[in-house]
C-alpha cells in the first residue's frame, strides 16, 4: 500500500509534492496485475452466447438424456464434496464437530453413489424434493410479502413458486424423467442470451 505520510524535503513546494504523489499512485495502479486483465471481446461474447443457446436447444430436444446426465454429474460432485468433508475432518481432528463432519461426508458420498449408480431413481427423488422446496419457499415468500405491508411482488413470486411446485408434484414421477434436463436447457439458453446482450452493449462494442 502506498504511504501518504511521505516527508517532503524543504526545497519541494506543495504543488510539486502533490504532482509527485499523483504520479506515484498512477504508476502503482498501472503496475497492478488486475489492470492488465481485459474483458472478452464482443465477438468472443457473441460466440459464447450462440454456443450456449445451441447447447440449450439440444438439451431441451432430449431432456430425458440430459436429466440422466445431470443426475450423474450431481452425484459425482456429491462424492467429491463428501470425500473432501471426510479428509477435512481428519485433517482438523481437534475441531469439536469431527464426528458430525464425518457423518456429513459419508452421507454426501452415499447420496452421490446412489445418483451415479441409479441416475433415473435419483432424478425422480431430486425432482420430488425440488417440487416440495418450491412449495415451501413459495409459502414463505407469501408470508413475508403479507407481513411487510402486502408486498405484491413478493406475494406473486410466492404464488408462482407454489404453482410450479404443485405442477411438478402432480405430474410426478413422469416429471422426474425430464425436469432436470429441462432446467439445464433453460439455464443454458438464458445464459447464452445474457452473453449476447452483454456483447451488443454500446460499451462492449466500443471496447
Protein backbone atom coordinates (compact mmCIF):
# COMPACT_ATOMS: atom_id res chain seq x y z
CA UNK A 1 0.00 0.00 0.00
CA UNK A 2 1.31 3.48 -0.91
CA UNK A 3 2.08 5.57 2.14
CA UNK A 4 0.61 9.04 2.16
CA UNK A 5 2.72 10.29 5.05
CA UNK A 6 5.80 10.94 2.87
CA UNK A 7 8.02 13.64 4.39
CA UNK A 8 8.75 16.43 1.97
CA UNK A 9 12.19 17.93 1.58
CA UNK A 10 12.40 21.58 2.47
CA UNK A 11 13.08 22.55 -1.14
CA UNK A 12 9.98 20.85 -2.57
CA UNK A 13 6.94 23.07 -2.93
CA UNK A 14 3.44 21.73 -2.12
CA UNK A 15 2.26 21.65 -5.79
CA UNK A 16 5.35 19.68 -6.79
CA UNK A 17 4.79 17.25 -3.95
CA UNK A 18 1.16 16.71 -4.99
CA UNK A 19 2.21 16.00 -8.58
CA UNK A 20 4.85 13.56 -7.34
CA UNK A 21 2.28 11.72 -5.20
CA UNK A 22 -0.22 11.52 -8.08
CA UNK A 23 2.43 10.16 -10.43
CA UNK A 24 3.39 7.51 -7.87
CA UNK A 25 -0.25 6.47 -7.42
CA UNK A 26 -0.71 6.27 -11.20
CA UNK A 27 2.39 4.10 -11.52
CA UNK A 28 1.19 1.82 -8.70
CA UNK A 29 -2.26 1.37 -10.34
CA UNK A 30 -0.80 0.72 -13.80
CA UNK A 31 1.67 -1.84 -12.44
CA UNK A 32 -1.12 -3.86 -10.77
CA UNK A 33 -1.79 -7.25 -12.47
CA UNK A 34 -5.54 -6.64 -12.28
CA UNK A 35 -5.24 -3.62 -14.55
CA UNK A 36 -3.93 -5.86 -17.36
CA UNK A 37 -6.98 -8.15 -17.28
CA UNK A 38 -9.28 -7.28 -20.17
CA UNK A 39 -12.88 -8.31 -20.69
CA UNK A 40 -13.60 -10.71 -23.57
CA UNK A 41 -14.01 -9.10 -26.95
CA UNK A 42 -17.57 -8.63 -28.29
CA UNK A 43 -17.06 -11.35 -30.90
CA UNK A 44 -15.97 -13.79 -28.18
CA UNK A 45 -19.02 -12.95 -26.08
CA UNK A 46 -21.29 -13.39 -29.09
CA UNK A 47 -19.69 -16.73 -29.95
CA UNK A 48 -20.07 -17.96 -26.37
CA UNK A 49 -23.70 -16.83 -26.32
CA UNK A 50 -24.51 -18.65 -29.57
CA UNK A 51 -22.77 -21.85 -28.38
CA UNK A 52 -24.70 -21.81 -25.09
CA UNK A 53 -28.03 -21.21 -26.85
CA UNK A 54 -27.41 -24.05 -29.32
CA UNK A 55 -26.38 -26.34 -26.45
CA UNK A 56 -29.52 -25.38 -24.55
CA UNK A 57 -31.73 -26.15 -27.55
CA UNK A 58 -30.06 -29.54 -27.98
CA UNK A 59 -30.59 -30.31 -24.29
CA UNK A 60 -34.26 -29.31 -24.50
CA UNK A 61 -34.62 -31.57 -27.53
CA UNK A 62 -33.63 -34.60 -25.44
CA UNK A 63 -34.44 -33.64 -21.88
CA UNK A 64 -34.61 -37.24 -20.68
CA UNK A 65 -30.99 -37.98 -21.60
CA UNK A 66 -29.92 -34.62 -20.21
CA UNK A 67 -31.72 -35.42 -16.96
CA UNK A 68 -29.82 -38.69 -16.56
CA UNK A 69 -26.52 -36.97 -17.35
CA UNK A 70 -27.35 -34.20 -14.90
CA UNK A 71 -28.12 -36.73 -12.17
CA UNK A 72 -24.80 -38.50 -12.77
CA UNK A 73 -22.93 -35.18 -12.71
CA UNK A 74 -24.64 -34.11 -9.46
CA UNK A 75 -23.78 -37.48 -7.97
CA UNK A 76 -20.12 -37.16 -8.95
CA UNK A 77 -19.96 -33.68 -7.39
CA UNK A 78 -21.57 -35.04 -4.21
CA UNK A 79 -18.97 -37.79 -3.99
CA UNK A 80 -16.15 -35.27 -4.37
CA UNK A 81 -17.71 -32.99 -1.75
CA UNK A 82 -18.19 -35.92 0.64
CA UNK A 83 -14.61 -37.05 0.21
CA UNK A 84 -13.42 -33.52 0.90
CA UNK A 85 -15.51 -33.40 4.08
CA UNK A 86 -14.03 -36.66 5.35
CA UNK A 87 -10.45 -35.65 4.54
CA UNK A 88 -11.00 -32.25 6.13
CA UNK A 89 -12.39 -33.90 9.26
CA UNK A 90 -9.24 -36.00 9.71
CA UNK A 91 -7.09 -33.01 8.81
CA UNK A 92 -8.59 -30.95 11.67
CA UNK A 93 -9.15 -33.57 14.35
CA UNK A 94 -9.10 -31.03 17.15
CA UNK A 95 -12.29 -29.38 15.92
CA UNK A 96 -15.37 -30.15 18.01
CA UNK A 97 -17.53 -31.13 15.02
CA UNK A 98 -15.29 -34.01 13.91
CA UNK A 99 -17.96 -36.71 14.19
CA UNK A 100 -20.64 -34.61 12.52
CA UNK A 101 -18.31 -33.76 9.65
CA UNK A 102 -17.52 -37.44 9.12
CA UNK A 103 -21.24 -38.29 9.11
CA UNK A 104 -22.00 -35.45 6.69
CA UNK A 105 -19.21 -36.55 4.36
CA UNK A 106 -20.40 -40.15 4.37
CA UNK A 107 -23.96 -39.02 3.63
CA UNK A 108 -22.71 -36.97 0.69
CA UNK A 109 -20.78 -39.97 -0.63
CA UNK A 110 -23.77 -42.32 -0.20
CA UNK A 111 -26.05 -39.81 -1.94
CA UNK A 112 -23.59 -39.38 -4.79
CA UNK A 113 -23.12 -43.12 -5.26
CA UNK A 114 -26.88 -43.55 -5.41
CA UNK A 115 -27.18 -40.94 -8.14
CA UNK A 116 -24.29 -42.34 -10.15
CA UNK A 117 -25.40 -45.98 -9.94
CA UNK A 118 -29.14 -45.28 -10.22
CA UNK A 119 -29.49 -41.97 -12.09
CA UNK A 120 -33.15 -42.46 -13.01
CA UNK A 121 -34.25 -43.10 -9.42
CA UNK A 122 -32.00 -40.28 -8.27
CA UNK A 123 -33.54 -37.88 -10.78
CA UNK A 124 -37.03 -38.84 -9.60
CA UNK A 125 -36.07 -38.19 -5.98
CA UNK A 126 -34.39 -34.87 -6.78
CA UNK A 127 -37.41 -33.71 -8.75
CA UNK A 128 -39.78 -34.60 -5.91
CA UNK A 129 -37.62 -32.78 -3.35
CA UNK A 130 -37.35 -29.77 -5.67
CA UNK A 131 -41.14 -29.61 -6.00
CA UNK A 132 -41.52 -29.66 -2.22
CA UNK A 133 -38.91 -26.92 -1.85
CA UNK A 134 -40.75 -24.75 -4.37
CA UNK A 135 -43.98 -25.07 -2.39
CA UNK A 136 -42.29 -24.34 0.95
CA UNK A 137 -40.28 -21.39 -0.37
CA UNK A 138 -43.35 -20.03 -2.14
CA UNK A 139 -45.37 -20.15 1.07
CA UNK A 140 -42.56 -18.41 2.95
CA UNK A 141 -42.33 -15.67 0.31
CA UNK A 142 -46.09 -15.13 0.52
CA UNK A 143 -45.85 -14.84 4.31
CA UNK A 144 -43.03 -12.32 4.04
CA UNK A 145 -44.95 -10.35 1.42
CA UNK A 146 -48.08 -10.06 3.59
CA UNK A 147 -46.02 -9.28 6.68
CA UNK A 148 -44.34 -6.25 5.09
CA UNK A 149 -47.42 -4.27 4.17
CA UNK A 150 -48.61 -6.54 1.35
CA UNK A 151 -45.62 -6.59 -0.99
CA UNK A 152 -47.46 -7.83 -4.07
CA UNK A 153 -44.28 -8.66 -5.99
CA UNK A 154 -43.18 -10.99 -3.20
CA UNK A 155 -46.70 -12.42 -2.91
CA UNK A 156 -46.92 -13.12 -6.66
CA UNK A 157 -43.47 -14.69 -6.57
CA UNK A 158 -44.66 -16.99 -3.80
CA UNK A 159 -47.83 -17.89 -5.71
CA UNK A 160 -45.86 -18.80 -8.84
CA UNK A 161 -43.46 -20.87 -6.73
CA UNK A 162 -46.32 -22.81 -5.15
CA UNK A 163 -47.99 -23.38 -8.52
CA UNK A 164 -44.72 -24.60 -10.05
CA UNK A 165 -44.21 -26.99 -7.15
CA UNK A 166 -47.75 -28.32 -7.44
CA UNK A 167 -47.35 -28.85 -11.20
CA UNK A 168 -44.13 -30.81 -10.63
CA UNK A 169 -45.60 -32.96 -7.87
CA UNK A 170 -48.90 -33.55 -9.67
CA UNK A 171 -47.05 -34.94 -12.69
CA UNK A 172 -44.55 -36.95 -10.67
CA UNK A 173 -42.97 -39.43 -11.35
CA UNK A 174 -43.16 -38.62 -15.07
CA UNK A 175 -41.86 -35.09 -14.46
CA UNK A 176 -38.78 -36.58 -12.84
CA UNK A 177 -37.73 -38.08 -16.18
CA UNK A 178 -37.31 -34.71 -17.91
CA UNK A 179 -37.39 -31.94 -15.30
CA UNK A 180 -33.65 -31.68 -14.53
CA UNK A 181 -32.79 -31.70 -18.23
CA UNK A 182 -35.45 -29.06 -18.87
CA UNK A 183 -33.95 -26.83 -16.18
CA UNK A 184 -30.46 -27.32 -17.61
CA UNK A 185 -31.62 -26.44 -21.11
CA UNK A 186 -33.40 -23.29 -19.95
CA UNK A 187 -30.36 -22.23 -17.96
CA UNK A 188 -28.09 -22.65 -20.98
CA UNK A 189 -30.44 -20.70 -23.26
CA UNK A 190 -30.87 -17.79 -20.82
CA UNK A 191 -27.16 -17.75 -20.10
CA UNK A 192 -26.45 -17.56 -23.83
CA UNK A 193 -28.95 -14.73 -24.31
CA UNK A 194 -27.31 -12.85 -21.44
CA UNK A 195 -23.90 -13.13 -23.13
CA UNK A 196 -25.35 -11.90 -26.44
CA UNK A 197 -26.93 -8.89 -24.74
CA UNK A 198 -23.64 -8.16 -22.99
CA UNK A 199 -21.76 -8.37 -26.29
CA UNK A 200 -24.05 -5.87 -28.01
CA UNK A 201 -23.95 -3.23 -25.32
CA UNK A 202 -22.52 0.08 -26.59
CA UNK A 203 -19.64 -0.08 -24.09
CA UNK A 204 -18.69 -3.57 -25.25
CA UNK A 205 -18.76 -2.60 -28.95
CA UNK A 206 -16.66 0.47 -28.28
CA UNK A 207 -14.01 -1.58 -26.43
